[in-house]
Protein backbone atom coordinates (compact mmCIF):
# COMPACT_ATOMS: atom_id res chain seq x y z
CA UNK A 1 4.83 -1.03 24.19
CA UNK A 2 7.56 0.52 22.38
CA UNK A 3 8.74 -1.16 18.34
CA UNK A 4 11.32 -1.19 17.30
CA UNK A 5 10.12 -0.53 13.46
CA UNK A 6 7.43 1.06 11.36
CA UNK A 7 6.88 -1.05 8.28
CA UNK A 8 5.24 1.53 5.98
CA UNK A 9 2.83 0.50 2.54
CA UNK A 10 3.88 2.11 -0.41
CA UNK A 11 0.09 3.19 -2.87
CA UNK A 12 -2.63 4.95 -0.32
CA UNK A 13 -0.33 5.24 2.57
CA UNK A 14 2.56 7.19 1.29
CA UNK A 15 1.38 7.76 -1.97
CA UNK A 16 -2.01 9.81 -1.99
CA UNK A 17 -2.82 6.83 -5.03
CA UNK A 18 -5.57 5.46 -5.05
CA UNK A 19 -7.48 8.45 -7.09
CA UNK A 20 -5.33 7.38 -9.98
CA UNK A 21 -4.51 3.89 -10.10
CA UNK A 22 -9.22 4.09 -9.68
CA UNK A 23 -8.58 6.35 -13.22
CA UNK A 24 -6.06 3.58 -14.89
CA UNK A 25 -8.29 0.48 -13.83
CA UNK A 26 -11.97 2.29 -15.44
CA UNK A 27 -10.04 3.16 -18.30
CA UNK A 28 -8.61 -0.04 -19.15
CA UNK A 29 -12.16 -1.68 -18.50
CA UNK A 30 -14.14 0.37 -20.87
CA UNK A 31 -11.35 0.29 -23.56
CA UNK A 32 -12.57 -3.47 -23.17
CA UNK A 33 -16.11 -2.27 -23.35
CA UNK A 34 -17.33 -2.15 -20.01
CA UNK A 35 -18.79 1.06 -18.12
CA UNK A 36 -18.03 0.34 -14.44
CA UNK A 37 -20.56 1.01 -11.59
CA UNK A 38 -19.28 4.14 -8.83
CA UNK A 39 -18.58 0.51 -6.64
CA UNK A 40 -16.43 -1.24 -8.62
CA UNK A 41 -14.58 -4.24 -6.99
CA UNK A 42 -11.24 -2.50 -7.23
CA UNK A 43 -8.75 -4.74 -3.81
CA UNK A 44 -6.54 -1.50 -2.55
CA UNK A 45 -3.35 -4.09 -1.73
CA UNK A 46 -3.52 -6.40 -3.60
CA UNK A 47 -2.02 -5.25 -6.63
CA UNK A 48 -2.53 -3.98 -9.58
CA UNK A 49 -2.02 -7.45 -11.09
CA UNK A 50 -3.89 -9.81 -8.63
CA UNK A 51 -6.87 -7.13 -9.06
CA UNK A 52 -7.68 -8.32 -12.73
CA UNK A 53 -9.09 -11.97 -12.57
CA UNK A 54 -11.68 -10.13 -10.19
CA UNK A 55 -12.42 -7.71 -12.89
CA UNK A 56 -12.40 -10.43 -15.37
CA UNK A 57 -15.08 -12.46 -13.81
CA UNK A 58 -17.28 -9.78 -11.84
CA UNK A 59 -17.63 -7.82 -15.34
CA UNK A 60 -17.50 -11.40 -17.38
CA UNK A 61 -15.09 -9.41 -19.65
CA UNK A 62 -13.84 -11.91 -22.87
CA UNK A 63 -10.88 -10.88 -24.72
CA UNK A 64 -7.17 -11.99 -25.78
CA UNK A 65 -5.11 -10.05 -23.22
CA UNK A 66 -3.30 -11.98 -20.37
CA UNK A 67 -3.91 -10.84 -16.54
CA UNK A 68 0.14 -9.06 -17.20
CA UNK A 69 -1.07 -7.36 -20.44
CA UNK A 70 -3.93 -5.58 -18.80
CA UNK A 71 -1.59 -5.06 -15.58
CA UNK A 72 1.03 -4.21 -17.74
CA UNK A 73 -1.35 -0.48 -19.69
CA UNK A 74 -2.97 -0.34 -16.28
CA UNK A 75 0.37 0.47 -15.28
CA UNK A 76 0.86 2.50 -18.21
CA UNK A 77 -2.66 4.64 -17.71
CA UNK A 78 -1.63 5.02 -14.27
CA UNK A 79 1.78 7.03 -15.22
CA UNK A 80 -0.45 9.02 -17.67
CA UNK A 81 -1.54 10.04 -13.82
CA UNK A 82 1.46 10.25 -12.35
CA UNK A 83 2.12 13.37 -12.72
CA UNK A 84 -0.52 14.73 -10.18
CA UNK A 85 0.35 12.22 -7.29
CA UNK A 86 1.93 13.65 -4.51
CA UNK A 87 3.13 12.71 -0.30
CA UNK A 88 0.56 12.06 1.57
CA UNK A 89 0.59 15.13 3.94
CA UNK A 90 2.31 14.56 6.61
CA UNK A 91 4.65 11.18 5.81
CA UNK A 92 7.65 13.30 5.77
CA UNK A 93 7.73 14.42 9.42
CA UNK A 94 6.77 11.35 10.60
CA UNK A 95 8.71 8.75 9.15
CA UNK A 96 12.07 11.76 9.70
CA UNK A 97 10.63 12.48 13.28
CA UNK A 98 10.15 7.56 13.88
CA UNK A 99 14.37 7.40 12.17
CA UNK A 100 15.16 10.27 14.61
CA UNK A 101 13.53 8.41 17.93
CA UNK A 102 15.94 5.69 16.23
CA UNK A 103 13.27 3.31 15.23
CA UNK A 104 13.99 0.92 11.76
CA UNK A 105 11.62 2.17 9.14
CA UNK A 106 10.47 -0.30 5.30
CA UNK A 107 8.75 0.24 2.86
CA UNK A 108 6.48 -3.15 1.94
CA UNK A 109 4.28 -2.89 -1.45
CA UNK A 110 2.28 -5.11 -3.25
CA UNK A 111 3.88 -3.30 -6.84
CA UNK A 112 6.47 -4.26 -8.10
CA UNK A 113 10.24 -3.07 -8.35
CA UNK A 114 10.24 -2.00 -11.53
CA UNK A 115 7.26 0.68 -10.73
CA UNK A 116 9.10 1.14 -7.30
CA UNK A 117 11.87 2.69 -9.41
CA UNK A 118 9.78 4.91 -11.85
CA UNK A 119 8.38 5.74 -8.38
CA UNK A 120 11.73 6.04 -6.29
CA UNK A 121 12.92 9.01 -9.56
CA UNK A 122 10.64 11.36 -8.21
CA UNK A 123 10.03 10.90 -4.50
CA UNK A 124 13.30 9.29 -3.29
CA UNK A 125 11.91 7.50 -0.93
CA UNK A 126 15.43 4.92 -1.02
CA UNK A 127 16.44 8.53 2.03
CA UNK A 128 13.32 7.37 3.99
CA UNK A 129 13.89 3.04 4.46
CA UNK A 130 16.54 0.93 6.41
CA UNK A 131 14.37 -1.16 4.08
CA UNK A 132 12.15 -1.56 0.66
CA UNK A 133 10.00 -5.54 -0.52
CA UNK A 134 8.33 -5.57 -3.65
CA UNK A 135 6.15 -8.16 -4.43
CA UNK A 136 8.93 -10.38 -6.21
CA UNK A 137 10.91 -10.93 -2.92
CA UNK A 138 7.16 -13.13 -1.89
CA UNK A 139 5.14 -16.08 -3.06
CA UNK A 140 1.63 -14.80 -2.18
CA UNK A 141 0.51 -10.73 -1.80
CA UNK A 142 -1.18 -9.40 0.82
CA UNK A 143 -4.03 -10.60 2.93
CA UNK A 144 -0.60 -13.17 3.27
CA UNK A 145 1.42 -12.21 5.48
CA UNK A 146 5.10 -13.09 3.88
CA UNK A 147 5.15 -9.52 2.90
CA UNK A 148 5.79 -8.11 5.97
CA UNK A 149 7.44 -11.19 7.84
CA UNK A 150 9.77 -11.21 5.38
CA UNK A 151 10.37 -7.51 6.23
CA UNK A 152 11.04 -7.07 9.21
CA UNK A 153 13.50 -9.48 8.34
CA UNK A 154 15.27 -7.46 6.48
CA UNK A 155 15.50 -4.87 9.46
CA UNK A 156 16.71 -7.80 11.48
CA UNK A 157 13.95 -7.87 13.86
CA UNK A 158 10.77 -9.72 15.40
CA UNK A 159 7.40 -9.29 13.85
CA UNK A 160 5.57 -8.79 17.37
CA UNK A 161 9.07 -5.54 17.10
CA UNK A 162 6.87 -3.83 13.97
CA UNK A 163 4.37 -1.43 13.40
CA UNK A 164 3.00 -1.51 10.40
CA UNK A 165 1.18 1.44 8.62
CA UNK A 166 -1.68 0.45 5.73
CA UNK A 167 -5.07 1.75 4.07
CA UNK A 168 -5.79 -1.18 2.64
CA UNK A 169 -7.62 -4.44 4.94
CA UNK A 170 -5.93 -7.23 3.36
CA UNK A 171 -2.69 -5.12 4.50
CA UNK A 172 -4.39 -5.24 7.63
CA UNK A 173 -5.15 -8.45 7.35
CA UNK A 174 -1.78 -9.76 6.42
CA UNK A 175 0.02 -7.71 9.27
CA UNK A 176 -1.86 -9.28 11.87
CA UNK A 177 -1.01 -12.20 10.45
CA UNK A 178 2.42 -11.94 11.18
CA UNK A 179 1.91 -11.42 13.90
CA UNK A 180 2.55 -7.65 14.02
CA UNK A 181 0.65 -3.65 15.92
CA UNK A 182 -0.52 -2.51 13.18
CA UNK A 183 -2.40 1.07 11.25
CA UNK A 184 -5.42 2.47 9.40
CA UNK A 185 -4.56 4.88 7.46
CA UNK A 186 -8.31 5.67 5.38
CA UNK A 187 -9.09 8.81 3.63
CA UNK A 188 -12.70 9.03 5.51
CA UNK A 189 -15.35 7.42 7.69
CA UNK A 190 -16.64 5.66 4.98
CA UNK A 191 -13.19 4.05 4.35
CA UNK A 192 -12.91 3.68 7.96
CA UNK A 193 -14.94 1.13 8.01
CA UNK A 194 -13.29 -0.83 5.63
CA UNK A 195 -9.94 -0.76 8.20
CA UNK A 196 -12.01 -1.29 11.20
CA UNK A 197 -9.65 -4.82 12.11
CA UNK A 198 -6.52 -1.63 12.95
CA UNK A 199 -5.04 -1.69 16.40
CA UNK A 200 -5.84 2.35 15.84
CA UNK A 201 -7.41 3.79 12.59
CA UNK A 202 -5.78 7.80 11.42
CA UNK A 203 -7.46 10.17 9.26
CA UNK A 204 -4.38 11.91 8.10
CA UNK A 205 -0.58 11.29 9.37
CA UNK A 206 0.01 14.26 10.71
CA UNK A 207 -2.76 13.04 13.32
CA UNK A 208 0.01 10.67 14.28
CA UNK A 209 2.60 14.22 14.48
CA UNK A 210 -0.14 15.28 17.28
CA UNK A 211 -0.03 12.22 19.73
CA UNK A 212 1.95 9.01 20.09
CA UNK A 213 1.14 5.16 18.67
CA UNK A 214 1.80 2.77 21.41
CA UNK A 215 4.25 4.31 23.01
CA UNK A 216 6.24 4.90 20.11
CA UNK A 217 6.05 8.80 18.08
């Protein structure tokens, strides 16, 4: 099947930054007197703010700080590690190859427009996308399909003509709910098990550069 658009997730997909987000969450949790276990209940893909109610409930945290304040502290902690964040290997080559085929590209992120602006200051991602959608533009975050439907609308494409590349189960579920095929980008075999609903699983963008994905690449 040929696609007219490819939609990329940001954190953990375009950016190799899940480790930095994990450190940021743990830093804020420790400031609240919590010693997070190795497999603490961070849910990738749903957004920083959306994770905090889970943490507050899981660890039975009592604090006067609001979810927005805790999310803000997490983003500050993330940017303290931001110098270590890089693009995932093969992303630039892949997105350029896709665009050279005349296929539209877009970014759909659960992150805020302010965060995206700071990220763009370093990586200039606007060069590689025909559209970018952030959490402020939708009412419901992943795993609801709204962000991908909004993105396909910005591309002037029907959802069925869009392919999504995601690293999180919430994103995979959202893409399927939007009526789109999805490639899961896994860090390792354990991570791949969480993406088993994806139509195809890869371990690097380089895997796509070597072969083909749904007749497009």
